[in-house]
Amino acid sequence: MSDQRFMARALELARKAQDEGEVPIGALVVLDDQIIGEGWNRPIAAHDPTAHAEIQAMRAAAAKVGLALTPDPFPAEGLFVRSDHYSFVKQGIPSLMLAAGFKSKDPKLDGAAAYVNWLRNVYHSPADDMNQVFDWESGARIARASFLAALAIANAPARPAWKPGDFFGKKFGK
């Protein structure tokens, strides 16, 4: 598929958003000349303030690798402002944070409880070493999803921008 065909598909999605009374924006995630995620603005129709075209496309791409995008489960912890990429934000560069979540394919596993236990008993302790159990398959899926998100952002027709009214955009946007 050519870039023109990808753009034509993104414009079709934008028209779909417009037909639903939304701001006409369509987005694609493309890998190896294949669309692996697509979306259009739907925050009003979906009653979901996060249902912007880019997020919809990334959700679809994440689903293709067996993952789901979820909001920050611990917003009071301020992980976003404590993360490595925050230095970009302080220079006015919009940024997102992808991290392993807490949902598991095993319904008996409470991922949030396991994370809190690891944080309290292992993180930055002598037990925090390479002998820990690690789910390599999930790690590979997260790495792939991170790559796909970065690729979608890099290939987008417009560079990342702060959303109107965004706290960080008001404070650091240039």
Protein backbone atom coordinates (compact mmCIF):
# COMPACT_ATOMS: atom_id res chain seq x y z
CA MET A 1 0.00 0.00 0.00
CA SER A 2 1.39 3.42 -0.89
CA ASP A 3 1.55 6.49 1.32
CA GLN A 4 -1.23 8.00 -0.79
CA ARG A 5 -3.48 5.04 -0.06
CA PHE A 6 -2.69 5.29 3.65
CA MET A 7 -3.53 9.00 3.56
CA ALA A 8 -6.73 8.27 1.65
CA ARG A 9 -7.73 5.77 4.36
CA ALA A 10 -6.93 8.30 7.10
CA LEU A 11 -9.12 10.85 5.28
CA GLU A 12 -11.97 8.29 5.06
CA LEU A 13 -11.69 7.86 8.82
CA ALA A 14 -11.70 11.64 9.29
CA ARG A 15 -14.93 11.85 7.26
CA LYS A 16 -16.39 9.13 9.49
CA ALA A 17 -15.58 11.30 12.52
CA GLN A 18 -17.14 14.32 10.82
CA ASP A 19 -20.28 12.32 10.00
CA GLU A 20 -20.55 11.50 13.72
CA GLY A 21 -20.32 15.20 14.62
CA GLU A 22 -16.71 14.94 15.79
CA VAL A 23 -13.60 16.90 14.83
CA PRO A 24 -12.58 15.28 11.51
CA ILE A 25 -9.35 13.46 12.31
CA GLY A 26 -8.40 9.94 11.28
CA ALA A 27 -5.27 8.05 12.31
CA LEU A 28 -3.45 4.88 11.26
CA VAL A 29 -0.72 2.71 12.72
CA VAL A 30 1.20 1.14 9.84
CA LEU A 31 3.84 -1.57 10.11
CA ASP A 32 5.54 -3.25 7.17
CA ASP A 33 3.06 -1.63 4.76
CA GLN A 34 0.11 -3.07 6.70
CA ILE A 35 -2.46 -1.11 8.69
CA ILE A 36 -2.43 -2.66 12.15
CA GLY A 37 -4.51 -0.02 13.88
CA GLU A 38 -6.87 2.73 12.84
CA GLY A 39 -9.14 5.17 14.56
CA TRP A 40 -11.11 8.37 14.24
CA ASN A 41 -12.11 11.01 16.75
CA ARG A 42 -14.97 9.72 18.92
CA PRO A 43 -14.82 11.41 22.35
CA ILE A 44 -18.39 12.71 22.08
CA ALA A 45 -19.99 9.65 20.49
CA ALA A 46 -18.13 7.22 22.76
CA HIS A 47 -18.62 9.36 25.90
CA ASP A 48 -14.88 8.89 26.39
CA PRO A 49 -12.60 11.94 26.61
CA THR A 50 -9.62 9.78 25.59
CA ALA A 51 -11.23 8.52 22.36
CA HIS A 52 -9.12 10.68 20.05
CA ALA A 53 -8.10 9.26 16.67
CA GLU A 54 -4.48 8.63 17.69
CA ILE A 55 -5.45 6.83 20.89
CA GLN A 56 -8.07 4.77 19.06
CA ALA A 57 -5.43 3.70 16.50
CA MET A 58 -2.92 2.84 19.23
CA ARG A 59 -5.57 0.85 21.13
CA ALA A 60 -6.28 -1.16 17.98
CA ALA A 61 -2.54 -1.73 17.38
CA ALA A 62 -2.03 -2.76 21.01
CA ALA A 63 -4.90 -5.23 20.73
CA LYS A 64 -3.17 -6.79 17.70
CA VAL A 65 -0.23 -7.71 19.95
CA GLY A 66 -2.47 -8.87 22.81
CA LEU A 67 -2.32 -5.72 24.95
CA ALA A 68 -4.74 -3.01 26.04
CA LEU A 69 -4.21 0.69 26.74
CA THR A 70 -5.48 1.73 30.16
CA PRO A 71 -5.30 4.92 32.19
CA ASP A 72 -2.62 5.34 34.85
CA PRO A 73 -3.73 3.04 37.70
CA PHE A 74 -1.88 5.13 40.33
CA PRO A 75 -2.23 8.80 39.26
CA ALA A 76 -1.50 10.01 42.81
CA GLU A 77 1.98 8.46 42.55
CA GLY A 78 2.96 10.96 39.86
CA LEU A 79 4.80 8.33 37.79
CA PHE A 80 4.54 10.50 34.67
CA VAL A 81 6.50 13.37 36.21
CA ARG A 82 9.00 10.96 37.76
CA SER A 83 9.70 9.11 34.51
CA ASP A 84 12.78 9.36 32.29
CA HIS A 85 10.94 11.11 29.45
CA TYR A 86 9.73 13.99 31.65
CA SER A 87 12.83 15.99 30.67
CA PHE A 88 11.36 16.12 27.14
CA VAL A 89 8.07 17.44 28.52
CA LYS A 90 9.94 20.18 30.40
CA GLN A 91 11.45 21.25 27.05
CA GLY A 92 7.95 21.59 25.57
CA ILE A 93 7.90 18.23 23.74
CA PRO A 94 4.63 16.31 24.20
CA SER A 95 5.31 12.83 25.49
CA LEU A 96 3.47 9.70 26.44
CA MET A 97 4.35 6.93 28.82
CA LEU A 98 3.89 3.27 28.02
CA ALA A 99 4.46 0.80 30.83
CA ALA A 100 3.46 -2.70 31.70
CA GLY A 101 -0.02 -2.76 33.15
CA PHE A 102 -1.77 -4.92 35.66
CA LYS A 103 -4.25 -6.91 33.60
CA SER A 104 -3.39 -10.55 33.14
CA LYS A 105 -4.59 -13.27 30.82
CA ASP A 106 -4.92 -15.34 34.00
CA PRO A 107 -8.07 -14.06 35.78
CA LYS A 108 -6.77 -15.47 39.09
CA LEU A 109 -3.73 -13.18 38.99
CA ASP A 110 -4.13 -9.74 40.58
CA GLY A 111 -1.53 -7.75 38.68
CA ALA A 112 -1.92 -4.62 40.83
CA ALA A 113 -1.33 -6.62 44.03
CA ALA A 114 1.70 -8.34 42.48
CA TYR A 115 3.13 -4.97 41.45
CA VAL A 116 2.60 -3.42 44.89
CA ASN A 117 4.19 -6.49 46.51
CA TRP A 118 7.19 -6.23 44.16
CA LEU A 119 7.50 -2.50 44.83
CA ARG A 120 7.44 -2.99 48.60
CA ASN A 121 9.57 -6.12 48.87
CA VAL A 122 11.88 -6.35 45.84
CA TYR A 123 12.40 -3.01 44.07
CA HIS A 124 15.78 -1.44 44.98
CA SER A 125 16.56 -4.26 47.38
CA PRO A 126 19.18 -7.06 47.16
CA ALA A 127 16.42 -9.25 45.67
CA ASP A 128 16.11 -6.85 42.71
CA ASP A 129 18.42 -8.85 40.45
CA MET A 130 18.42 -10.93 37.28
CA ASN A 131 17.16 -14.03 39.13
CA GLN A 132 13.61 -12.71 39.29
CA VAL A 133 10.85 -14.42 37.35
CA PHE A 134 10.23 -12.54 34.12
CA ASP A 135 7.51 -13.10 31.56
CA TRP A 136 9.59 -12.76 28.39
CA GLU A 137 6.60 -13.20 26.06
CA SER A 138 4.77 -10.29 27.70
CA GLY A 139 7.95 -8.22 27.72
CA ALA A 140 8.30 -8.77 23.97
CA ARG A 141 4.65 -7.74 23.41
CA ILE A 142 5.18 -4.54 25.43
CA ALA A 143 8.37 -3.75 23.49
CA ARG A 144 6.51 -4.33 20.21
CA ALA A 145 3.61 -2.10 21.31
CA SER A 146 6.07 0.63 22.31
CA PHE A 147 7.74 0.36 18.92
CA LEU A 148 4.38 0.53 17.13
CA ALA A 149 3.34 3.61 19.12
CA ALA A 150 6.64 5.35 18.34
CA LEU A 151 6.34 4.38 14.68
CA ALA A 152 2.79 5.75 14.49
CA ILE A 153 3.90 9.02 16.04
CA ALA A 154 6.93 9.28 13.75
CA ASN A 155 4.86 8.57 10.63
CA ALA A 156 1.95 10.84 11.54
CA PRO A 157 1.29 13.69 9.11
CA ALA A 158 1.54 16.23 11.95
CA ARG A 159 4.04 16.34 14.76
CA PRO A 160 2.80 15.75 18.32
CA ALA A 161 1.09 18.74 19.90
CA TRP A 162 -0.35 19.55 23.27
CA LYS A 163 -4.13 19.23 23.52
CA PRO A 164 -5.88 22.56 24.27
CA GLY A 165 -6.01 23.14 28.01
CA ASP A 166 -3.42 20.45 28.82
CA PHE A 167 -1.67 21.29 32.10
CA PHE A 168 1.78 20.40 30.79
CA GLY A 169 1.17 22.21 27.51
CA LYS A 170 0.24 25.38 29.39
CA LYS A 171 3.28 25.10 31.66
CA PHE A 172 5.95 23.95 29.19
CA GLY A 173 4.52 24.31 25.66
CA LYS A 174 6.40 26.59 23.32
